[in-house]
């Protein structure tokens, strides 16, 4: 029977394995979001939790242990400053792991490891979009879409305040139980300005959802003028919608996302596929 076996071996020696995990923790504190394999993300999260706990202690012994662990001494002020202040009221759970499919080649499971409440928090982004979508679904039952486009939805903050007071399992509110649970969880350890910021983000997404069909219809009309046989552009899951600079997953990845040039017209898209010899019919 084995006792005290806390981490995976990763087919490496103990010195190589520890240096790899120290490097991952250092990268996590530097960028606050990294992409790696799922087993490495789990072991990195365990070590990162311990180092952040040292940052919250803030005494001389904690600074000595943290400086001996991190590979970049320039991250010590960030650890004992911004991270200690951000997680001062949080008893634990400073990291979050998102599964990210499998890697090409060896089919290894990938994951995005991030610090909770970071500027590119993926759960914050997706929860705000879910709130905006469900508020719009409730409003559109009693009002026409054009009326909502002209007037807008201005009671988003009041809806959030009422949803926070409800239990997650209740079905009396506008939001679904799972969305309400995510809402209460991401606002539990944030300050009072977080609810106002989230309501603005949800309201912006509602306006975006209302403007998307109008923008797609206008784009289709312009395409039909150039080519009468063209079809309406179909929306795909995860794509950047009109009015957005990047998608939700791209925002969460940060520097991990690849910048790809978007075609400005169907003609440019076909040229990119077939070369310069392609002509518009």
C-alpha atoms as a PDB file:
ATOM      1  CA  UNK A   1       0.000   0.000   0.000  1.00  0.00           C
ATOM      2  CA  UNK A   2       1.325   3.408  -0.982  1.00  0.00           C
ATOM      3  CA  UNK A   3       1.090   6.332   1.376  1.00  0.00           C
ATOM      4  CA  UNK A   4       1.766   9.994   0.749  1.00  0.00           C
ATOM      5  CA  UNK A   5       1.639   9.735  -3.063  1.00  0.00           C
ATOM      6  CA  UNK A   6       0.140  13.094  -3.959  1.00  0.00           C
ATOM      7  CA  UNK A   7       1.161  13.816  -7.547  1.00  0.00           C
ATOM      8  CA  UNK A   8       1.486  11.948 -10.817  1.00  0.00           C
ATOM      9  CA  UNK A   9       4.871  10.828 -12.104  1.00  0.00           C
ATOM     10  CA  UNK A  10       4.398  12.002 -15.746  1.00  0.00           C
ATOM     11  CA  UNK A  11       7.136   9.511 -16.779  1.00  0.00           C
ATOM     12  CA  UNK A  12       9.762  11.932 -15.490  1.00  0.00           C
ATOM     13  CA  UNK A  13      12.317  11.983 -12.737  1.00  0.00           C
ATOM     14  CA  UNK A  14      11.419  13.813  -9.549  1.00  0.00           C
ATOM     15  CA  UNK A  15      13.649  16.798 -10.367  1.00  0.00           C
ATOM     16  CA  UNK A  16      12.312  17.114 -13.926  1.00  0.00           C
ATOM     17  CA  UNK A  17       8.717  16.728 -12.759  1.00  0.00           C
ATOM     18  CA  UNK A  18       9.025  19.353 -10.025  1.00  0.00           C
ATOM     19  CA  UNK A  19      10.713  21.824 -12.362  1.00  0.00           C
ATOM     20  CA  UNK A  20       7.911  21.322 -14.901  1.00  0.00           C
ATOM     21  CA  UNK A  21       5.220  21.974 -12.289  1.00  0.00           C
ATOM     22  CA  UNK A  22       7.064  25.043 -10.985  1.00  0.00           C
ATOM     23  CA  UNK A  23       7.238  26.360 -14.529  1.00  0.00           C
ATOM     24  CA  UNK A  24       3.497  25.808 -15.036  1.00  0.00           C
ATOM     25  CA  UNK A  25       2.625  27.554 -11.761  1.00  0.00           C
ATOM     26  CA  UNK A  26       4.882  30.481 -12.682  1.00  0.00           C
ATOM     27  CA  UNK A  27       3.218  30.770 -16.099  1.00  0.00           C
ATOM     28  CA  UNK A  28      -0.202  30.604 -14.456  1.00  0.00           C
ATOM     29  CA  UNK A  29       0.625  33.485 -12.106  1.00  0.00           C
ATOM     30  CA  UNK A  30       2.102  35.503 -14.954  1.00  0.00           C
ATOM     31  CA  UNK A  31      -0.728  35.122 -17.489  1.00  0.00           C
ATOM     32  CA  UNK A  32      -3.540  34.031 -15.088  1.00  0.00           C
ATOM     33  CA  UNK A  33      -4.652  31.549 -17.752  1.00  0.00           C
ATOM     34  CA  UNK A  34      -2.741  28.715 -19.413  1.00  0.00           C
ATOM     35  CA  UNK A  35      -3.552  25.780 -21.675  1.00  0.00           C
ATOM     36  CA  UNK A  36      -2.025  22.376 -20.965  1.00  0.00           C
ATOM     37  CA  UNK A  37      -3.050  18.741 -20.648  1.00  0.00           C
ATOM     38  CA  UNK A  38      -5.706  17.797 -18.117  1.00  0.00           C
ATOM     39  CA  UNK A  39      -3.458  15.753 -15.736  1.00  0.00           C
ATOM     40  CA  UNK A  40      -0.855  18.530 -15.671  1.00  0.00           C
ATOM     41  CA  UNK A  41      -3.574  21.117 -15.060  1.00  0.00           C
ATOM     42  CA  UNK A  42      -4.870  19.200 -12.039  1.00  0.00           C
ATOM     43  CA  UNK A  43      -1.463  18.875 -10.405  1.00  0.00           C
ATOM     44  CA  UNK A  44      -0.586  22.481 -11.242  1.00  0.00           C
ATOM     45  CA  UNK A  45      -3.819  23.668  -9.635  1.00  0.00           C
ATOM     46  CA  UNK A  46      -2.956  21.888  -6.376  1.00  0.00           C
ATOM     47  CA  UNK A  47       0.411  23.593  -6.161  1.00  0.00           C
ATOM     48  CA  UNK A  48      -0.983  26.982  -7.195  1.00  0.00           C
ATOM     49  CA  UNK A  49      -3.555  26.803  -4.378  1.00  0.00           C
ATOM     50  CA  UNK A  50      -0.762  26.305  -1.839  1.00  0.00           C
ATOM     51  CA  UNK A  51       1.332  29.176  -3.203  1.00  0.00           C
ATOM     52  CA  UNK A  52      -1.641  31.577  -3.151  1.00  0.00           C
ATOM     53  CA  UNK A  53      -2.254  30.565   0.471  1.00  0.00           C
ATOM     54  CA  UNK A  54       1.332  31.597   1.200  1.00  0.00           C
ATOM     55  CA  UNK A  55       0.631  34.903  -0.525  1.00  0.00           C
ATOM     56  CA  UNK A  56      -2.353  35.496   1.747  1.00  0.00           C
ATOM     57  CA  UNK A  57      -0.245  34.874   4.849  1.00  0.00           C
ATOM     58  CA  UNK A  58       2.260  37.514   3.831  1.00  0.00           C
ATOM     59  CA  UNK A  59       4.825  36.879   6.571  1.00  0.00           C
ATOM     60  CA  UNK A  60       8.563  36.525   6.133  1.00  0.00           C
ATOM     61  CA  UNK A  61       8.522  32.729   6.097  1.00  0.00           C
ATOM     62  CA  UNK A  62       5.831  32.676   3.394  1.00  0.00           C
ATOM     63  CA  UNK A  63       7.816  35.098   1.238  1.00  0.00           C
ATOM     64  CA  UNK A  64      10.917  32.925   1.553  1.00  0.00           C
ATOM     65  CA  UNK A  65       9.066  29.757   0.531  1.00  0.00           C
ATOM     66  CA  UNK A  66       7.283  31.463  -2.369  1.00  0.00           C
ATOM     67  CA  UNK A  67      10.487  33.036  -3.709  1.00  0.00           C
ATOM     68  CA  UNK A  68      12.183  29.620  -3.582  1.00  0.00           C
ATOM     69  CA  UNK A  69       9.338  28.033  -5.558  1.00  0.00           C
ATOM     70  CA  UNK A  70       8.569  30.569  -8.309  1.00  0.00           C
ATOM     71  CA  UNK A  71      10.983  30.774 -11.225  1.00  0.00           C
ATOM     72  CA  UNK A  72      10.429  34.528 -11.732  1.00  0.00           C
ATOM     73  CA  UNK A  73      11.066  36.753  -8.695  1.00  0.00           C
ATOM     74  CA  UNK A  74       9.198  39.592 -10.427  1.00  0.00           C
ATOM     75  CA  UNK A  75       5.911  37.778  -9.671  1.00  0.00           C
ATOM     76  CA  UNK A  76       6.307  38.066  -5.897  1.00  0.00           C
ATOM     77  CA  UNK A  77       4.734  41.571  -5.659  1.00  0.00           C
ATOM     78  CA  UNK A  78       1.815  40.282  -7.737  1.00  0.00           C
ATOM     79  CA  UNK A  79       1.396  37.246  -5.488  1.00  0.00           C
ATOM     80  CA  UNK A  80       1.570  39.127  -2.168  1.00  0.00           C
ATOM     81  CA  UNK A  81      -0.246  42.168  -3.564  1.00  0.00           C
ATOM     82  CA  UNK A  82      -3.032  41.766  -6.098  1.00  0.00           C
ATOM     83  CA  UNK A  83      -3.652  38.037  -5.559  1.00  0.00           C
ATOM     84  CA  UNK A  84      -3.716  38.371  -1.761  1.00  0.00           C
ATOM     85  CA  UNK A  85      -6.184  41.253  -2.027  1.00  0.00           C
ATOM     86  CA  UNK A  86      -8.363  39.517  -4.617  1.00  0.00           C
ATOM     87  CA  UNK A  87      -8.690  36.292  -2.601  1.00  0.00           C
ATOM     88  CA  UNK A  88      -8.693  37.794   0.892  1.00  0.00           C
ATOM     89  CA  UNK A  89     -12.320  36.770   1.575  1.00  0.00           C
ATOM     90  CA  UNK A  90     -12.192  33.488  -0.352  1.00  0.00           C
ATOM     91  CA  UNK A  91     -11.339  30.475   1.839  1.00  0.00           C
ATOM     92  CA  UNK A  92     -10.061  28.376  -1.060  1.00  0.00           C
ATOM     93  CA  UNK A  93     -10.703  27.346  -4.635  1.00  0.00           C
ATOM     94  CA  UNK A  94      -8.507  29.921  -6.352  1.00  0.00           C
ATOM     95  CA  UNK A  95      -8.211  27.978  -9.631  1.00  0.00           C
ATOM     96  CA  UNK A  96     -10.651  26.608 -12.188  1.00  0.00           C
ATOM     97  CA  UNK A  97     -10.159  23.945 -14.863  1.00  0.00           C
ATOM     98  CA  UNK A  98     -12.067  23.923 -18.169  1.00  0.00           C
ATOM     99  CA  UNK A  99     -11.803  20.882 -20.413  1.00  0.00           C
ATOM    100  CA  UNK A 100     -10.676  21.844 -23.897  1.00  0.00           C
ATOM    101  CA  UNK A 101     -11.055  18.747 -26.083  1.00  0.00           C
ATOM    102  CA  UNK A 102      -8.222  16.476 -27.131  1.00  0.00           C
ATOM    103  CA  UNK A 103      -4.838  17.309 -28.611  1.00  0.00           C
ATOM    104  CA  UNK A 104      -4.061  16.458 -32.214  1.00  0.00           C
ATOM    105  CA  UNK A 105      -1.518  13.699 -32.599  1.00  0.00           C
ATOM    106  CA  UNK A 106      -1.580  11.778 -29.321  1.00  0.00           C
ATOM    107  CA  UNK A 107      -5.244  12.575 -28.485  1.00  0.00           C
ATOM    108  CA  UNK A 108      -4.275  13.747 -24.989  1.00  0.00           C
ATOM    109  CA  UNK A 109      -7.073  15.558 -23.093  1.00  0.00           C
ATOM    110  CA  UNK A 110      -6.409  19.297 -22.935  1.00  0.00           C
ATOM    111  CA  UNK A 111      -7.634  21.846 -20.411  1.00  0.00           C
ATOM    112  CA  UNK A 112      -7.553  25.571 -19.708  1.00  0.00           C
ATOM    113  CA  UNK A 113      -6.347  26.329 -16.195  1.00  0.00           C
ATOM    114  CA  UNK A 114      -7.208  29.803 -14.937  1.00  0.00           C
ATOM    115  CA  UNK A 115      -7.276  31.794 -11.744  1.00  0.00           C
ATOM    116  CA  UNK A 116     -10.728  32.600 -10.425  1.00  0.00           C
ATOM    117  CA  UNK A 117     -11.944  36.190 -10.948  1.00  0.00           C
ATOM    118  CA  UNK A 118      -9.196  37.007 -13.430  1.00  0.00           C
ATOM    119  CA  UNK A 119      -9.815  39.734 -16.044  1.00  0.00           C
ATOM    120  CA  UNK A 120     -10.599  37.075 -18.710  1.00  0.00           C
ATOM    121  CA  UNK A 121     -12.721  34.804 -16.521  1.00  0.00           C
ATOM    122  CA  UNK A 122     -14.446  32.295 -18.799  1.00  0.00           C
ATOM    123  CA  UNK A 123     -17.323  31.517 -16.403  1.00  0.00           C
ATOM    124  CA  UNK A 124     -17.983  35.241 -15.935  1.00  0.00           C
ATOM    125  CA  UNK A 125     -18.239  35.700 -19.700  1.00  0.00           C
ATOM    126  CA  UNK A 126     -20.471  32.686 -20.327  1.00  0.00           C
ATOM    127  CA  UNK A 127     -22.755  33.418 -17.347  1.00  0.00           C
ATOM    128  CA  UNK A 128     -23.336  36.986 -18.523  1.00  0.00           C
ATOM    129  CA  UNK A 129     -24.321  35.700 -21.949  1.00  0.00           C
ATOM    130  CA  UNK A 130     -26.638  33.077 -20.481  1.00  0.00           C
ATOM    131  CA  UNK A 131     -28.316  35.747 -18.339  1.00  0.00           C
ATOM    132  CA  UNK A 132     -28.814  38.042 -21.327  1.00  0.00           C
ATOM    133  CA  UNK A 133     -30.211  35.250 -23.462  1.00  0.00           C
ATOM    134  CA  UNK A 134     -32.708  34.123 -20.821  1.00  0.00           C
ATOM    135  CA  UNK A 135     -33.830  37.671 -20.045  1.00  0.00           C
ATOM    136  CA  UNK A 136     -34.467  38.241 -23.743  1.00  0.00           C
ATOM    137  CA  UNK A 137     -36.376  34.963 -23.957  1.00  0.00           C
ATOM    138  CA  UNK A 138     -38.665  36.138 -21.147  1.00  0.00           C
ATOM    139  CA  UNK A 139     -39.171  39.631 -22.578  1.00  0.00           C
ATOM    140  CA  UNK A 140     -39.953  38.431 -26.067  1.00  0.00           C
ATOM    141  CA  UNK A 141     -42.996  36.516 -24.795  1.00  0.00           C
ATOM    142  CA  UNK A 142     -44.928  39.748 -24.180  1.00  0.00           C
ATOM    143  CA  UNK A 143     -43.259  42.254 -26.525  1.00  0.00           C
ATOM    144  CA  UNK A 144     -42.369  42.256 -30.177  1.00  0.00           C
ATOM    145  CA  UNK A 145     -38.696  42.174 -31.201  1.00  0.00           C
ATOM    146  CA  UNK A 146     -38.861  45.559 -32.951  1.00  0.00           C
ATOM    147  CA  UNK A 147     -40.283  47.128 -29.791  1.00  0.00           C
ATOM    148  CA  UNK A 148     -37.380  45.746 -27.782  1.00  0.00           C
ATOM    149  CA  UNK A 149     -34.914  46.982 -30.385  1.00  0.00           C
ATOM    150  CA  UNK A 150     -36.303  50.514 -30.228  1.00  0.00           C
ATOM    151  CA  UNK A 151     -36.789  50.739 -26.440  1.00  0.00           C
ATOM    152  CA  UNK A 152     -34.146  48.328 -25.185  1.00  0.00           C
ATOM    153  CA  UNK A 153     -34.104  46.432 -21.892  1.00  0.00           C
ATOM    154  CA  UNK A 154     -33.270  48.700 -18.956  1.00  0.00           C
ATOM    155  CA  UNK A 155     -34.280  46.592 -15.934  1.00  0.00           C
ATOM    156  CA  UNK A 156     -31.411  44.107 -16.159  1.00  0.00           C
ATOM    157  CA  UNK A 157     -29.896  45.201 -12.846  1.00  0.00           C
ATOM    158  CA  UNK A 158     -33.224  44.854 -11.008  1.00  0.00           C
ATOM    159  CA  UNK A 159     -33.662  41.361 -12.434  1.00  0.00           C
ATOM    160  CA  UNK A 160     -30.211  40.325 -11.216  1.00  0.00           C
ATOM    161  CA  UNK A 161     -30.841  41.700  -7.727  1.00  0.00           C
ATOM    162  CA  UNK A 162     -34.067  39.742  -7.462  1.00  0.00           C
ATOM    163  CA  UNK A 163     -32.468  36.569  -8.816  1.00  0.00           C
ATOM    164  CA  UNK A 164     -29.624  36.716  -6.290  1.00  0.00           C
ATOM    165  CA  UNK A 165     -32.121  36.576  -3.392  1.00  0.00           C
ATOM    166  CA  UNK A 166     -33.829  33.427  -4.698  1.00  0.00           C
ATOM    167  CA  UNK A 167     -32.715  29.893  -3.982  1.00  0.00           C
ATOM    168  CA  UNK A 168     -30.998  28.185  -6.934  1.00  0.00           C
ATOM    169  CA  UNK A 169     -33.631  25.446  -7.109  1.00  0.00           C
ATOM    170  CA  UNK A 170     -36.662  27.755  -7.284  1.00  0.00           C
ATOM    171  CA  UNK A 171     -38.499  28.078 -10.591  1.00  0.00           C
ATOM    172  CA  UNK A 172     -40.300  31.351  -9.884  1.00  0.00           C
ATOM    173  CA  UNK A 173     -37.673  33.603 -11.388  1.00  0.00           C
ATOM    174  CA  UNK A 174     -36.701  34.403 -14.949  1.00  0.00           C
ATOM    175  CA  UNK A 175     -33.384  32.557 -14.991  1.00  0.00           C
ATOM    176  CA  UNK A 176     -32.966  28.823 -15.081  1.00  0.00           C
ATOM    177  CA  UNK A 177     -31.816  27.153 -11.825  1.00  0.00           C
ATOM    178  CA  UNK A 178     -28.365  26.381 -13.231  1.00  0.00           C
ATOM    179  CA  UNK A 179     -27.870  29.934 -14.505  1.00  0.00           C
ATOM    180  CA  UNK A 180     -28.996  31.365 -11.148  1.00  0.00           C
ATOM    181  CA  UNK A 181     -26.577  29.040  -9.362  1.00  0.00           C
ATOM    182  CA  UNK A 182     -23.701  30.255 -11.571  1.00  0.00           C
ATOM    183  CA  UNK A 183     -24.771  33.867 -10.992  1.00  0.00           C
ATOM    184  CA  UNK A 184     -24.729  33.518  -7.219  1.00  0.00           C
ATOM    185  CA  UNK A 185     -21.438  31.642  -7.310  1.00  0.00           C
ATOM    186  CA  UNK A 186     -19.482  34.188  -9.370  1.00  0.00           C
ATOM    187  CA  UNK A 187     -20.807  37.100  -7.258  1.00  0.00           C
ATOM    188  CA  UNK A 188     -20.297  35.433  -3.862  1.00  0.00           C
ATOM    189  CA  UNK A 189     -16.789  36.746  -3.218  1.00  0.00           C
ATOM    190  CA  UNK A 190     -16.812  39.854  -5.436  1.00  0.00           C
ATOM    191  CA  UNK A 191     -17.528  43.418  -4.394  1.00  0.00           C
ATOM    192  CA  UNK A 192     -20.805  45.276  -4.923  1.00  0.00           C
ATOM    193  CA  UNK A 193     -19.694  46.810  -8.219  1.00  0.00           C
ATOM    194  CA  UNK A 194     -19.520  43.336  -9.783  1.00  0.00           C
ATOM    195  CA  UNK A 195     -23.318  43.024 -10.057  1.00  0.00           C
ATOM    196  CA  UNK A 196     -23.511  46.369 -11.864  1.00  0.00           C
ATOM    197  CA  UNK A 197     -20.750  45.301 -14.255  1.00  0.00           C
ATOM    198  CA  UNK A 198     -22.454  41.968 -14.893  1.00  0.00           C
ATOM    199  CA  UNK A 199     -25.805  43.637 -15.586  1.00  0.00           C
ATOM    200  CA  UNK A 200     -24.169  45.955 -18.119  1.00  0.00           C
ATOM    201  CA  UNK A 201     -22.467  43.008 -19.801  1.00  0.00           C
ATOM    202  CA  UNK A 202     -25.736  41.059 -19.965  1.00  0.00           C
ATOM    203  CA  UNK A 203     -27.567  44.120 -21.331  1.00  0.00           C
ATOM    204  CA  UNK A 204     -24.940  44.570 -24.047  1.00  0.00           C
ATOM    205  CA  UNK A 205     -25.345  40.957 -25.047  1.00  0.00           C
ATOM    206  CA  UNK A 206     -29.139  41.382 -25.232  1.00  0.00           C
ATOM    207  CA  UNK A 207     -28.681  44.340 -27.591  1.00  0.00           C
ATOM    208  CA  UNK A 208     -26.277  42.250 -29.625  1.00  0.00           C
ATOM    209  CA  UNK A 209     -28.766  39.382 -29.916  1.00  0.00           C
ATOM    210  CA  UNK A 210     -31.470  41.795 -31.045  1.00  0.00           C
ATOM    211  CA  UNK A 211     -29.213  43.458 -33.618  1.00  0.00           C
ATOM    212  CA  UNK A 212     -27.796  40.229 -35.064  1.00  0.00           C
ATOM    213  CA  UNK A 213     -30.814  39.249 -37.251  1.00  0.00           C
ATOM    214  CA  UNK A 214     -31.020  42.801 -38.619  1.00  0.00           C
ATOM    215  CA  UNK A 215     -27.322  42.810 -39.445  1.00  0.00           C
ATOM    216  CA  UNK A 216     -27.497  39.367 -41.090  1.00  0.00           C
ATOM    217  CA  UNK A 217     -30.508  40.395 -43.171  1.00  0.00           C
ATOM    218  CA  UNK A 218     -28.742  43.572 -44.324  1.00  0.00           C
ATOM    219  CA  UNK A 219     -25.646  41.569 -45.218  1.00  0.00           C
ATOM    220  CA  UNK A 220     -27.744  39.069 -47.163  1.00  0.00           C
ATOM    221  CA  UNK A 221     -29.402  41.853 -49.152  1.00  0.00           C
ATOM    222  CA  UNK A 222     -26.006  43.269 -50.109  1.00  0.00           C
ATOM    223  CA  UNK A 223     -24.818  39.806 -51.143  1.00  0.00           C
ATOM    224  CA  UNK A 224     -27.919  39.282 -53.304  1.00  0.00           C
ATOM    225  CA  UNK A 225     -27.181  42.502 -55.177  1.00  0.00           C
ATOM    226  CA  UNK A 226     -23.787  41.110 -56.143  1.00  0.00           C
ATOM    227  CA  UNK A 227     -24.949  37.549 -56.745  1.00  0.00           C
ATOM    228  CA  UNK A 228     -28.706  36.738 -56.934  1.00  0.00           C
ATOM    229  CA  UNK A 229     -28.027  33.041 -56.228  1.00  0.00           C
ATOM    230  CA  UNK A 230     -26.285  33.652 -52.908  1.00  0.00           C
ATOM    231  CA  UNK A 231     -27.764  32.164 -49.744  1.00  0.00           C
ATOM    232  CA  UNK A 232     -28.251  33.753 -46.351  1.00  0.00           C
ATOM    233  CA  UNK A 233     -25.197  33.392 -44.102  1.00  0.00           C
ATOM    234  CA  UNK A 234     -25.764  30.764 -41.446  1.00  0.00           C
ATOM    235  CA  UNK A 235     -24.597  31.381 -37.872  1.00  0.00           C
ATOM    236  CA  UNK A 236     -22.315  28.777 -36.310  1.00  0.00           C
ATOM    237  CA  UNK A 237     -21.706  27.910 -32.677  1.00  0.00           C
ATOM    238  CA  UNK A 238     -18.811  29.826 -31.181  1.00  0.00           C
ATOM    239  CA  UNK A 239     -18.451  32.332 -34.016  1.00  0.00           C
ATOM    240  CA  UNK A 240     -17.905  36.032 -33.480  1.00  0.00           C
ATOM    241  CA  UNK A 241     -21.280  37.731 -33.748  1.00  0.00           C
ATOM    242  CA  UNK A 242     -21.860  41.198 -35.242  1.00  0.00           C
ATOM    243  CA  UNK A 243     -20.711  43.882 -32.819  1.00  0.00           C
ATOM    244  CA  UNK A 244     -18.097  41.645 -31.168  1.00  0.00           C
ATOM    245  CA  UNK A 245     -14.352  41.893 -31.531  1.00  0.00           C
ATOM    246  CA  UNK A 246     -13.722  38.285 -30.466  1.00  0.00           C
ATOM    247  CA  UNK A 247     -15.766  35.307 -29.311  1.00  0.00           C
ATOM    248  CA  UNK A 248     -16.194  34.243 -25.689  1.00  0.00           C
ATOM    249  CA  UNK A 249     -13.700  31.395 -25.875  1.00  0.00           C
ATOM    250  CA  UNK A 250     -11.208  33.610 -27.731  1.00  0.00           C
ATOM    251  CA  UNK A 251     -11.534  36.247 -25.010  1.00  0.00           C
ATOM    252  CA  UNK A 252     -10.895  33.652 -22.335  1.00  0.00           C
ATOM    253  CA  UNK A 253      -7.835  32.221 -24.093  1.00  0.00           C
ATOM    254  CA  UNK A 254      -6.140  35.596 -24.484  1.00  0.00           C
ATOM    255  CA  UNK A 255      -2.722  35.121 -26.083  1.00  0.00           C
ATOM    256  CA  UNK A 256      -3.486  31.436 -26.595  1.00  0.00           C
ATOM    257  CA  UNK A 257      -6.007  32.238 -29.339  1.00  0.00           C
ATOM    258  CA  UNK A 258      -4.745  32.466 -32.893  1.00  0.00           C
ATOM    259  CA  UNK A 259      -5.487  35.664 -34.789  1.00  0.00           C
ATOM    260  CA  UNK A 260      -7.017  34.713 -38.123  1.00  0.00           C
ATOM    261  CA  UNK A 261      -7.958  37.310 -40.755  1.00  0.00           C
ATOM    262  CA  UNK A 262     -11.676  37.292 -41.483  1.00  0.00           C
ATOM    263  CA  UNK A 263     -12.856  37.524 -45.128  1.00  0.00           C
ATOM    264  CA  UNK A 264     -14.667  40.742 -45.935  1.00  0.00           C
ATOM    265  CA  UNK A 265     -16.803  39.239 -48.702  1.00  0.00           C
ATOM    266  CA  UNK A 266     -17.654  35.846 -50.254  1.00  0.00           C
ATOM    267  CA  UNK A 267     -15.425  36.695 -53.228  1.00  0.00           C
ATOM    268  CA  UNK A 268     -12.365  37.072 -50.991  1.00  0.00           C
ATOM    269  CA  UNK A 269     -13.279  33.844 -49.241  1.00  0.00           C
ATOM    270  CA  UNK A 270     -13.366  31.879 -52.519  1.00  0.00           C
ATOM    271  CA  UNK A 271     -10.110  33.494 -53.605  1.00  0.00           C
ATOM    272  CA  UNK A 272      -8.496  32.287 -50.420  1.00  0.00           C
ATOM    273  CA  UNK A 273      -9.651  28.746 -51.208  1.00  0.00           C
ATOM    274  CA  UNK A 274      -9.158  28.484 -54.979  1.00  0.00           C
ATOM    275  CA  UNK A 275      -6.441  31.094 -55.557  1.00  0.00           C
ATOM    276  CA  UNK A 276      -6.335  34.235 -57.673  1.00  0.00           C
ATOM    277  CA  UNK A 277      -7.782  32.558 -60.768  1.00  0.00           C
ATOM    278  CA  UNK A 278     -11.238  32.356 -59.214  1.00  0.00           C
ATOM    279  CA  UNK A 279     -13.798  34.772 -60.648  1.00  0.00           C
ATOM    280  CA  UNK A 280     -17.132  35.735 -59.229  1.00  0.00           C
ATOM    281  CA  UNK A 281     -19.928  34.140 -61.350  1.00  0.00           C
END
